[in-house]
């Protein structure tokens, strides 16, 4: 038993390490221009402060004074040109991008809140008088004990569904469609963390399971015990991933 636990811990450590490496690569690929820009600015600031202002020690070398003066003039010219170019780049490219993200932030938040509503809609067939918030995951999970998966749908919008399972899957299809649209429409504006959570939602175990489920010919004639064993745990995992997205988008989970 101890050996099995150690093996699981080893696998978990590898997966966490791989995730951290992936996130570092993702961050650098999206922030490489900024890293290069700031590195160049530091070098330019060092050249100005050491040569022009004499606030920092200069690099000692054995060149003649004429050669050193010429190199200093060249370094200063390059430094001032780089600083001027960085200022222009910041004012014409980076600042407009920042302003655009600030303006679009409320839209991103509203989109994330809408995803929470759609995610919550997946359990409406199981509600009676109780309507728990999505943030109360224990109460949401308790809903799945109130109704059987093969019962007839009671909601008018699910009139074409043959049972509760069909309604659950139909709501998930709509949720998945909105997630895909969210990523495609805002991928150039979303932060790395926001995109990471959206991609995690899109590739969640529930999404993968439904993909296989639909390819199997939509054979929904399994027992209630089968549905109870498969769907609620995968739905819970999906909610937990959404919690991360909501926090990254500034959504108040206590109101969801």
C-alpha atoms as a PDB file:
ATOM      1  CA  UNK A   1       0.000   0.000   0.000  1.00  0.00           C
ATOM      2  CA  UNK A   2       2.862   2.353   0.887  1.00  0.00           C
ATOM      3  CA  UNK A   3       4.531   1.597  -2.454  1.00  0.00           C
ATOM      4  CA  UNK A   4       1.345   2.483  -4.357  1.00  0.00           C
ATOM      5  CA  UNK A   5       1.025   5.781  -2.472  1.00  0.00           C
ATOM      6  CA  UNK A   6       4.651   6.646  -3.260  1.00  0.00           C
ATOM      7  CA  UNK A   7       4.091   5.866  -6.940  1.00  0.00           C
ATOM      8  CA  UNK A   8       1.000   8.094  -7.004  1.00  0.00           C
ATOM      9  CA  UNK A   9       2.893  10.909  -5.259  1.00  0.00           C
ATOM     10  CA  UNK A  10       5.715  10.548  -7.795  1.00  0.00           C
ATOM     11  CA  UNK A  11       3.298  10.753 -10.721  1.00  0.00           C
ATOM     12  CA  UNK A  12       1.566  13.750  -9.144  1.00  0.00           C
ATOM     13  CA  UNK A  13       4.902  15.532  -8.648  1.00  0.00           C
ATOM     14  CA  UNK A  14       5.828  14.930 -12.286  1.00  0.00           C
ATOM     15  CA  UNK A  15       2.495  16.278 -13.482  1.00  0.00           C
ATOM     16  CA  UNK A  16       2.811  19.387 -11.285  1.00  0.00           C
ATOM     17  CA  UNK A  17       6.375  19.978 -12.500  1.00  0.00           C
ATOM     18  CA  UNK A  18       5.270  19.547 -16.119  1.00  0.00           C
ATOM     19  CA  UNK A  19       2.417  21.981 -15.546  1.00  0.00           C
ATOM     20  CA  UNK A  20       4.812  24.588 -14.118  1.00  0.00           C
ATOM     21  CA  UNK A  21       7.171  24.202 -17.106  1.00  0.00           C
ATOM     22  CA  UNK A  22       4.227  24.514 -19.502  1.00  0.00           C
ATOM     23  CA  UNK A  23       2.989  27.632 -17.731  1.00  0.00           C
ATOM     24  CA  UNK A  24       6.462  29.224 -17.821  1.00  0.00           C
ATOM     25  CA  UNK A  25       6.717  28.535 -21.567  1.00  0.00           C
ATOM     26  CA  UNK A  26       3.217  29.899 -22.083  1.00  0.00           C
ATOM     27  CA  UNK A  27       4.044  33.049 -20.110  1.00  0.00           C
ATOM     28  CA  UNK A  28       7.333  33.662 -21.932  1.00  0.00           C
ATOM     29  CA  UNK A  29       5.828  33.086 -25.383  1.00  0.00           C
ATOM     30  CA  UNK A  30       3.132  35.676 -24.695  1.00  0.00           C
ATOM     31  CA  UNK A  31       5.444  38.126 -22.896  1.00  0.00           C
ATOM     32  CA  UNK A  32       8.665  37.744 -24.928  1.00  0.00           C
ATOM     33  CA  UNK A  33       8.362  41.225 -26.573  1.00  0.00           C
ATOM     34  CA  UNK A  34       7.970  42.868 -23.164  1.00  0.00           C
ATOM     35  CA  UNK A  35      10.945  40.942 -21.740  1.00  0.00           C
ATOM     36  CA  UNK A  36      13.150  42.011 -24.674  1.00  0.00           C
ATOM     37  CA  UNK A  37      11.916  45.610 -24.455  1.00  0.00           C
ATOM     38  CA  UNK A  38      12.636  45.955 -20.729  1.00  0.00           C
ATOM     39  CA  UNK A  39      16.018  44.230 -21.047  1.00  0.00           C
ATOM     40  CA  UNK A  40      17.020  46.728 -23.733  1.00  0.00           C
ATOM     41  CA  UNK A  41      15.781  49.626 -21.605  1.00  0.00           C
ATOM     42  CA  UNK A  42      17.900  48.470 -18.667  1.00  0.00           C
ATOM     43  CA  UNK A  43      21.003  48.349 -20.884  1.00  0.00           C
ATOM     44  CA  UNK A  44      20.213  51.791 -22.313  1.00  0.00           C
ATOM     45  CA  UNK A  45      19.652  53.238 -18.841  1.00  0.00           C
ATOM     46  CA  UNK A  46      22.938  51.743 -17.674  1.00  0.00           C
ATOM     47  CA  UNK A  47      24.786  53.303 -20.644  1.00  0.00           C
ATOM     48  CA  UNK A  48      23.318  56.761 -19.962  1.00  0.00           C
ATOM     49  CA  UNK A  49      23.853  56.626 -16.207  1.00  0.00           C
ATOM     50  CA  UNK A  50      27.458  55.434 -16.483  1.00  0.00           C
ATOM     51  CA  UNK A  51      28.664  57.450 -19.501  1.00  0.00           C
ATOM     52  CA  UNK A  52      26.568  60.633 -19.514  1.00  0.00           C
ATOM     53  CA  UNK A  53      25.686  61.065 -15.835  1.00  0.00           C
ATOM     54  CA  UNK A  54      28.671  59.168 -14.367  1.00  0.00           C
ATOM     55  CA  UNK A  55      26.473  57.708 -11.637  1.00  0.00           C
ATOM     56  CA  UNK A  56      27.774  54.168 -12.170  1.00  0.00           C
ATOM     57  CA  UNK A  57      31.299  52.838 -12.675  1.00  0.00           C
ATOM     58  CA  UNK A  58      32.409  52.355 -16.264  1.00  0.00           C
ATOM     59  CA  UNK A  59      33.831  49.164 -17.701  1.00  0.00           C
ATOM     60  CA  UNK A  60      37.635  49.237 -17.568  1.00  0.00           C
ATOM     61  CA  UNK A  61      39.411  48.556 -20.858  1.00  0.00           C
ATOM     62  CA  UNK A  62      42.846  49.060 -22.419  1.00  0.00           C
ATOM     63  CA  UNK A  63      41.745  51.120 -25.432  1.00  0.00           C
ATOM     64  CA  UNK A  64      43.084  54.587 -26.160  1.00  0.00           C
ATOM     65  CA  UNK A  65      41.152  57.669 -25.012  1.00  0.00           C
ATOM     66  CA  UNK A  66      40.188  58.441 -28.618  1.00  0.00           C
ATOM     67  CA  UNK A  67      38.728  54.957 -29.108  1.00  0.00           C
ATOM     68  CA  UNK A  68      36.940  55.054 -25.734  1.00  0.00           C
ATOM     69  CA  UNK A  69      35.390  58.467 -26.479  1.00  0.00           C
ATOM     70  CA  UNK A  70      34.203  57.235 -29.863  1.00  0.00           C
ATOM     71  CA  UNK A  71      32.680  54.085 -28.357  1.00  0.00           C
ATOM     72  CA  UNK A  72      30.994  56.117 -25.637  1.00  0.00           C
ATOM     73  CA  UNK A  73      29.423  58.428 -28.209  1.00  0.00           C
ATOM     74  CA  UNK A  74      28.219  55.431 -30.209  1.00  0.00           C
ATOM     75  CA  UNK A  75      26.775  53.727 -27.099  1.00  0.00           C
ATOM     76  CA  UNK A  76      25.052  56.938 -26.028  1.00  0.00           C
ATOM     77  CA  UNK A  77      23.558  57.440 -29.480  1.00  0.00           C
ATOM     78  CA  UNK A  78      22.250  53.880 -29.494  1.00  0.00           C
ATOM     79  CA  UNK A  79      20.925  54.225 -25.934  1.00  0.00           C
ATOM     80  CA  UNK A  80      19.068  57.477 -26.641  1.00  0.00           C
ATOM     81  CA  UNK A  81      17.676  56.060 -29.895  1.00  0.00           C
ATOM     82  CA  UNK A  82      16.492  52.913 -28.107  1.00  0.00           C
ATOM     83  CA  UNK A  83      14.879  54.890 -25.291  1.00  0.00           C
ATOM     84  CA  UNK A  84      13.111  57.146 -27.791  1.00  0.00           C
ATOM     85  CA  UNK A  85      11.933  54.122 -29.773  1.00  0.00           C
ATOM     86  CA  UNK A  86      10.711  52.401 -26.597  1.00  0.00           C
ATOM     87  CA  UNK A  87       8.757  55.500 -25.575  1.00  0.00           C
ATOM     88  CA  UNK A  88       7.139  55.726 -29.020  1.00  0.00           C
ATOM     89  CA  UNK A  89       6.370  51.976 -28.986  1.00  0.00           C
ATOM     90  CA  UNK A  90       4.862  52.249 -25.529  1.00  0.00           C
ATOM     91  CA  UNK A  91       2.674  55.220 -26.443  1.00  0.00           C
ATOM     92  CA  UNK A  92       1.514  53.916 -29.831  1.00  0.00           C
ATOM     93  CA  UNK A  93       1.242  50.151 -29.164  1.00  0.00           C
ATOM     94  CA  UNK A  94       1.376  49.092 -25.514  1.00  0.00           C
ATOM     95  CA  UNK A  95      -0.701  51.889 -24.014  1.00  0.00           C
ATOM     96  CA  UNK A  96      -3.562  51.490 -26.542  1.00  0.00           C
ATOM     97  CA  UNK A  97      -3.487  47.733 -25.846  1.00  0.00           C
ATOM     98  CA  UNK A  98      -3.667  48.408 -22.112  1.00  0.00           C
ATOM     99  CA  UNK A  99      -6.579  50.827 -22.581  1.00  0.00           C
ATOM    100  CA  UNK A 100      -8.356  48.303 -24.783  1.00  0.00           C
ATOM    101  CA  UNK A 101      -8.011  45.597 -22.126  1.00  0.00           C
ATOM    102  CA  UNK A 102      -9.299  48.008 -19.488  1.00  0.00           C
ATOM    103  CA  UNK A 103     -12.353  48.810 -21.598  1.00  0.00           C
ATOM    104  CA  UNK A 104     -13.006  45.179 -22.431  1.00  0.00           C
ATOM    105  CA  UNK A 105     -12.540  43.903 -18.838  1.00  0.00           C
ATOM    106  CA  UNK A 106     -16.260  44.380 -17.954  1.00  0.00           C
ATOM    107  CA  UNK A 107     -17.194  42.418 -21.090  1.00  0.00           C
ATOM    108  CA  UNK A 108     -14.840  39.574 -20.126  1.00  0.00           C
ATOM    109  CA  UNK A 109     -16.356  39.559 -16.635  1.00  0.00           C
ATOM    110  CA  UNK A 110     -19.891  39.466 -18.054  1.00  0.00           C
ATOM    111  CA  UNK A 111     -18.940  36.597 -20.390  1.00  0.00           C
ATOM    112  CA  UNK A 112     -17.495  34.643 -17.467  1.00  0.00           C
ATOM    113  CA  UNK A 113     -20.647  35.290 -15.396  1.00  0.00           C
ATOM    114  CA  UNK A 114     -22.757  34.045 -18.308  1.00  0.00           C
ATOM    115  CA  UNK A 115     -20.729  30.834 -18.367  1.00  0.00           C
ATOM    116  CA  UNK A 116     -21.566  30.373 -14.685  1.00  0.00           C
ATOM    117  CA  UNK A 117     -25.269  30.765 -15.445  1.00  0.00           C
ATOM    118  CA  UNK A 118     -25.085  28.232 -18.281  1.00  0.00           C
ATOM    119  CA  UNK A 119     -23.132  25.835 -16.076  1.00  0.00           C
ATOM    120  CA  UNK A 120     -25.758  26.170 -13.362  1.00  0.00           C
ATOM    121  CA  UNK A 121     -28.514  25.523 -15.918  1.00  0.00           C
ATOM    122  CA  UNK A 122     -27.193  22.000 -16.364  1.00  0.00           C
ATOM    123  CA  UNK A 123     -28.724  20.987 -13.033  1.00  0.00           C
ATOM    124  CA  UNK A 124     -32.123  22.740 -13.369  1.00  0.00           C
ATOM    125  CA  UNK A 125     -33.893  19.456 -14.071  1.00  0.00           C
ATOM    126  CA  UNK A 126     -32.961  18.299 -10.577  1.00  0.00           C
ATOM    127  CA  UNK A 127     -34.297  21.332  -8.738  1.00  0.00           C
ATOM    128  CA  UNK A 128     -37.592  21.554  -6.921  1.00  0.00           C
ATOM    129  CA  UNK A 129     -38.142  24.420  -4.515  1.00  0.00           C
ATOM    130  CA  UNK A 130     -34.445  24.550  -3.614  1.00  0.00           C
ATOM    131  CA  UNK A 131     -32.256  26.622  -5.911  1.00  0.00           C
ATOM    132  CA  UNK A 132     -28.681  26.543  -4.526  1.00  0.00           C
ATOM    133  CA  UNK A 133     -25.981  28.879  -5.736  1.00  0.00           C
ATOM    134  CA  UNK A 134     -23.267  27.509  -7.971  1.00  0.00           C
ATOM    135  CA  UNK A 135     -20.734  28.588  -5.331  1.00  0.00           C
ATOM    136  CA  UNK A 136     -22.274  26.099  -2.859  1.00  0.00           C
ATOM    137  CA  UNK A 137     -20.921  23.002  -4.529  1.00  0.00           C
ATOM    138  CA  UNK A 138     -22.114  20.595  -1.809  1.00  0.00           C
ATOM    139  CA  UNK A 139     -25.710  21.794  -2.209  1.00  0.00           C
ATOM    140  CA  UNK A 140     -25.417  21.531  -5.991  1.00  0.00           C
ATOM    141  CA  UNK A 141     -24.167  17.954  -5.731  1.00  0.00           C
ATOM    142  CA  UNK A 142     -27.033  17.130  -3.356  1.00  0.00           C
ATOM    143  CA  UNK A 143     -29.488  17.991  -6.157  1.00  0.00           C
ATOM    144  CA  UNK A 144     -28.553  14.840  -8.031  1.00  0.00           C
ATOM    145  CA  UNK A 145     -30.217  12.730  -5.338  1.00  0.00           C
ATOM    146  CA  UNK A 146     -33.623  14.338  -5.948  1.00  0.00           C
ATOM    147  CA  UNK A 147     -34.446  12.904  -9.358  1.00  0.00           C
ATOM    148  CA  UNK A 148     -33.629   9.968 -11.575  1.00  0.00           C
ATOM    149  CA  UNK A 149     -31.664  10.398 -14.778  1.00  0.00           C
ATOM    150  CA  UNK A 150     -34.140   8.500 -16.951  1.00  0.00           C
ATOM    151  CA  UNK A 151     -37.217  10.453 -15.863  1.00  0.00           C
ATOM    152  CA  UNK A 152     -39.107  12.593 -18.344  1.00  0.00           C
ATOM    153  CA  UNK A 153     -37.943  16.242 -18.593  1.00  0.00           C
ATOM    154  CA  UNK A 154     -40.251  18.733 -16.926  1.00  0.00           C
ATOM    155  CA  UNK A 155     -38.859  21.937 -18.462  1.00  0.00           C
ATOM    156  CA  UNK A 156     -40.658  23.297 -21.563  1.00  0.00           C
ATOM    157  CA  UNK A 157     -37.354  24.041 -23.327  1.00  0.00           C
ATOM    158  CA  UNK A 158     -36.473  20.363 -22.951  1.00  0.00           C
ATOM    159  CA  UNK A 159     -39.730  19.075 -24.359  1.00  0.00           C
ATOM    160  CA  UNK A 160     -37.881  17.419 -27.241  1.00  0.00           C
ATOM    161  CA  UNK A 161     -35.568  15.578 -24.833  1.00  0.00           C
ATOM    162  CA  UNK A 162     -36.538  12.025 -24.049  1.00  0.00           C
ATOM    163  CA  UNK A 163     -35.295  12.171 -20.434  1.00  0.00           C
ATOM    164  CA  UNK A 164     -33.336  14.167 -17.862  1.00  0.00           C
ATOM    165  CA  UNK A 165     -30.043  12.875 -19.252  1.00  0.00           C
ATOM    166  CA  UNK A 166     -30.854  14.316 -22.662  1.00  0.00           C
ATOM    167  CA  UNK A 167     -31.641  17.679 -21.075  1.00  0.00           C
ATOM    168  CA  UNK A 168     -28.372  17.633 -19.114  1.00  0.00           C
ATOM    169  CA  UNK A 169     -26.400  16.908 -22.276  1.00  0.00           C
ATOM    170  CA  UNK A 170     -28.315  19.523 -24.301  1.00  0.00           C
ATOM    171  CA  UNK A 171     -27.457  22.218 -21.749  1.00  0.00           C
ATOM    172  CA  UNK A 172     -23.829  21.118 -21.784  1.00  0.00           C
ATOM    173  CA  UNK A 173     -23.689  21.438 -25.582  1.00  0.00           C
ATOM    174  CA  UNK A 174     -24.833  25.063 -25.275  1.00  0.00           C
ATOM    175  CA  UNK A 175     -22.277  25.678 -22.520  1.00  0.00           C
ATOM    176  CA  UNK A 176     -19.492  24.181 -24.649  1.00  0.00           C
ATOM    177  CA  UNK A 177     -20.529  26.256 -27.690  1.00  0.00           C
ATOM    178  CA  UNK A 178     -20.321  29.474 -25.646  1.00  0.00           C
ATOM    179  CA  UNK A 179     -16.886  28.479 -24.278  1.00  0.00           C
ATOM    180  CA  UNK A 180     -15.596  27.903 -27.819  1.00  0.00           C
ATOM    181  CA  UNK A 181     -16.983  31.266 -28.915  1.00  0.00           C
ATOM    182  CA  UNK A 182     -15.446  32.969 -25.864  1.00  0.00           C
ATOM    183  CA  UNK A 183     -11.983  31.637 -26.718  1.00  0.00           C
ATOM    184  CA  UNK A 184     -12.203  32.354 -30.446  1.00  0.00           C
ATOM    185  CA  UNK A 185     -13.529  35.906 -30.047  1.00  0.00           C
ATOM    186  CA  UNK A 186     -11.278  37.105 -27.205  1.00  0.00           C
ATOM    187  CA  UNK A 187      -8.098  34.998 -27.332  1.00  0.00           C
ATOM    188  CA  UNK A 188      -5.988  38.065 -28.262  1.00  0.00           C
ATOM    189  CA  UNK A 189      -7.283  39.975 -25.228  1.00  0.00           C
ATOM    190  CA  UNK A 190      -7.560  37.306 -22.544  1.00  0.00           C
ATOM    191  CA  UNK A 191      -4.681  36.881 -20.117  1.00  0.00           C
ATOM    192  CA  UNK A 192      -2.610  33.704 -20.063  1.00  0.00           C
ATOM    193  CA  UNK A 193      -4.358  32.494 -16.889  1.00  0.00           C
ATOM    194  CA  UNK A 194      -7.827  33.197 -18.297  1.00  0.00           C
ATOM    195  CA  UNK A 195      -7.019  31.292 -21.485  1.00  0.00           C
ATOM    196  CA  UNK A 196      -5.540  28.466 -19.436  1.00  0.00           C
ATOM    197  CA  UNK A 197      -8.774  28.019 -17.464  1.00  0.00           C
ATOM    198  CA  UNK A 198     -10.939  28.273 -20.573  1.00  0.00           C
ATOM    199  CA  UNK A 199      -8.842  25.629 -22.314  1.00  0.00           C
ATOM    200  CA  UNK A 200      -9.081  23.472 -19.183  1.00  0.00           C
ATOM    201  CA  UNK A 201     -12.879  23.794 -19.324  1.00  0.00           C
ATOM    202  CA  UNK A 202     -12.909  22.936 -23.016  1.00  0.00           C
ATOM    203  CA  UNK A 203     -10.763  19.833 -22.435  1.00  0.00           C
ATOM    204  CA  UNK A 204     -12.427  18.842 -19.150  1.00  0.00           C
ATOM    205  CA  UNK A 205     -13.169  15.143 -18.502  1.00  0.00           C
ATOM    206  CA  UNK A 206     -16.903  15.832 -18.911  1.00  0.00           C
ATOM    207  CA  UNK A 207     -16.295  17.356 -22.339  1.00  0.00           C
ATOM    208  CA  UNK A 208     -14.114  14.426 -23.346  1.00  0.00           C
ATOM    209  CA  UNK A 209     -16.675  11.954 -22.068  1.00  0.00           C
ATOM    210  CA  UNK A 210     -19.537  13.544 -23.985  1.00  0.00           C
ATOM    211  CA  UNK A 211     -17.424  13.555 -27.131  1.00  0.00           C
ATOM    212  CA  UNK A 212     -17.008   9.791 -26.846  1.00  0.00           C
ATOM    213  CA  UNK A 213     -20.617   9.440 -25.747  1.00  0.00           C
ATOM    214  CA  UNK A 214     -21.976  11.188 -28.827  1.00  0.00           C
ATOM    215  CA  UNK A 215     -19.734   9.234 -31.195  1.00  0.00           C
ATOM    216  CA  UNK A 216     -21.130   6.013 -29.775  1.00  0.00           C
ATOM    217  CA  UNK A 217     -24.418   6.683 -31.568  1.00  0.00           C
ATOM    218  CA  UNK A 218     -26.016   8.602 -28.695  1.00  0.00           C
ATOM    219  CA  UNK A 219     -26.953   5.402 -26.933  1.00  0.00           C
ATOM    220  CA  UNK A 220     -28.434   6.769 -23.711  1.00  0.00           C
ATOM    221  CA  UNK A 221     -30.045   3.518 -22.553  1.00  0.00           C
ATOM    222  CA  UNK A 222     -27.829   3.030 -19.532  1.00  0.00           C
ATOM    223  CA  UNK A 223     -29.071   2.563 -15.979  1.00  0.00           C
ATOM    224  CA  UNK A 224     -29.658   5.361 -13.475  1.00  0.00           C
ATOM    225  CA  UNK A 225     -26.811   3.944 -11.384  1.00  0.00           C
ATOM    226  CA  UNK A 226     -24.454   4.385 -14.328  1.00  0.00           C
ATOM    227  CA  UNK A 227     -25.416   8.036 -14.823  1.00  0.00           C
ATOM    228  CA  UNK A 228     -25.147   8.766 -11.101  1.00  0.00           C
ATOM    229  CA  UNK A 229     -21.655   7.319 -11.034  1.00  0.00           C
ATOM    230  CA  UNK A 230     -20.379   9.160 -14.129  1.00  0.00           C
ATOM    231  CA  UNK A 231     -22.036  12.563 -14.522  1.00  0.00           C
ATOM    232  CA  UNK A 232     -22.118  14.234 -11.042  1.00  0.00           C
ATOM    233  CA  UNK A 233     -18.359  13.783 -10.295  1.00  0.00           C
ATOM    234  CA  UNK A 234     -17.388  15.066 -13.758  1.00  0.00           C
ATOM    235  CA  UNK A 235     -19.820  17.971 -13.394  1.00  0.00           C
ATOM    236  CA  UNK A 236     -18.243  18.801 -10.026  1.00  0.00           C
ATOM    237  CA  UNK A 237     -14.764  18.847 -11.596  1.00  0.00           C
ATOM    238  CA  UNK A 238     -16.060  21.230 -14.265  1.00  0.00           C
ATOM    239  CA  UNK A 239     -17.476  23.579 -11.621  1.00  0.00           C
ATOM    240  CA  UNK A 240     -14.151  23.620  -9.751  1.00  0.00           C
ATOM    241  CA  UNK A 241     -12.315  24.608 -12.944  1.00  0.00           C
ATOM    242  CA  UNK A 242     -14.885  27.352 -13.510  1.00  0.00           C
ATOM    243  CA  UNK A 243     -14.158  28.719 -10.030  1.00  0.00           C
ATOM    244  CA  UNK A 244     -10.593  29.410 -11.166  1.00  0.00           C
ATOM    245  CA  UNK A 245     -11.777  31.180 -14.325  1.00  0.00           C
ATOM    246  CA  UNK A 246     -14.275  33.260 -12.345  1.00  0.00           C
ATOM    247  CA  UNK A 247     -11.569  34.491  -9.976  1.00  0.00           C
ATOM    248  CA  UNK A 248      -9.277  35.363 -12.900  1.00  0.00           C
ATOM    249  CA  UNK A 249     -12.092  37.404 -14.496  1.00  0.00           C
ATOM    250  CA  UNK A 250     -13.129  39.237 -11.326  1.00  0.00           C
ATOM    251  CA  UNK A 251     -16.453  37.426 -10.898  1.00  0.00           C
ATOM    252  CA  UNK A 252     -17.922  37.436  -7.390  1.00  0.00           C
ATOM    253  CA  UNK A 253     -18.485  33.724  -6.780  1.00  0.00           C
ATOM    254  CA  UNK A 254     -20.622  34.358  -3.686  1.00  0.00           C
ATOM    255  CA  UNK A 255     -23.308  35.808  -5.976  1.00  0.00           C
ATOM    256  CA  UNK A 256     -23.260  32.956  -8.476  1.00  0.00           C
END
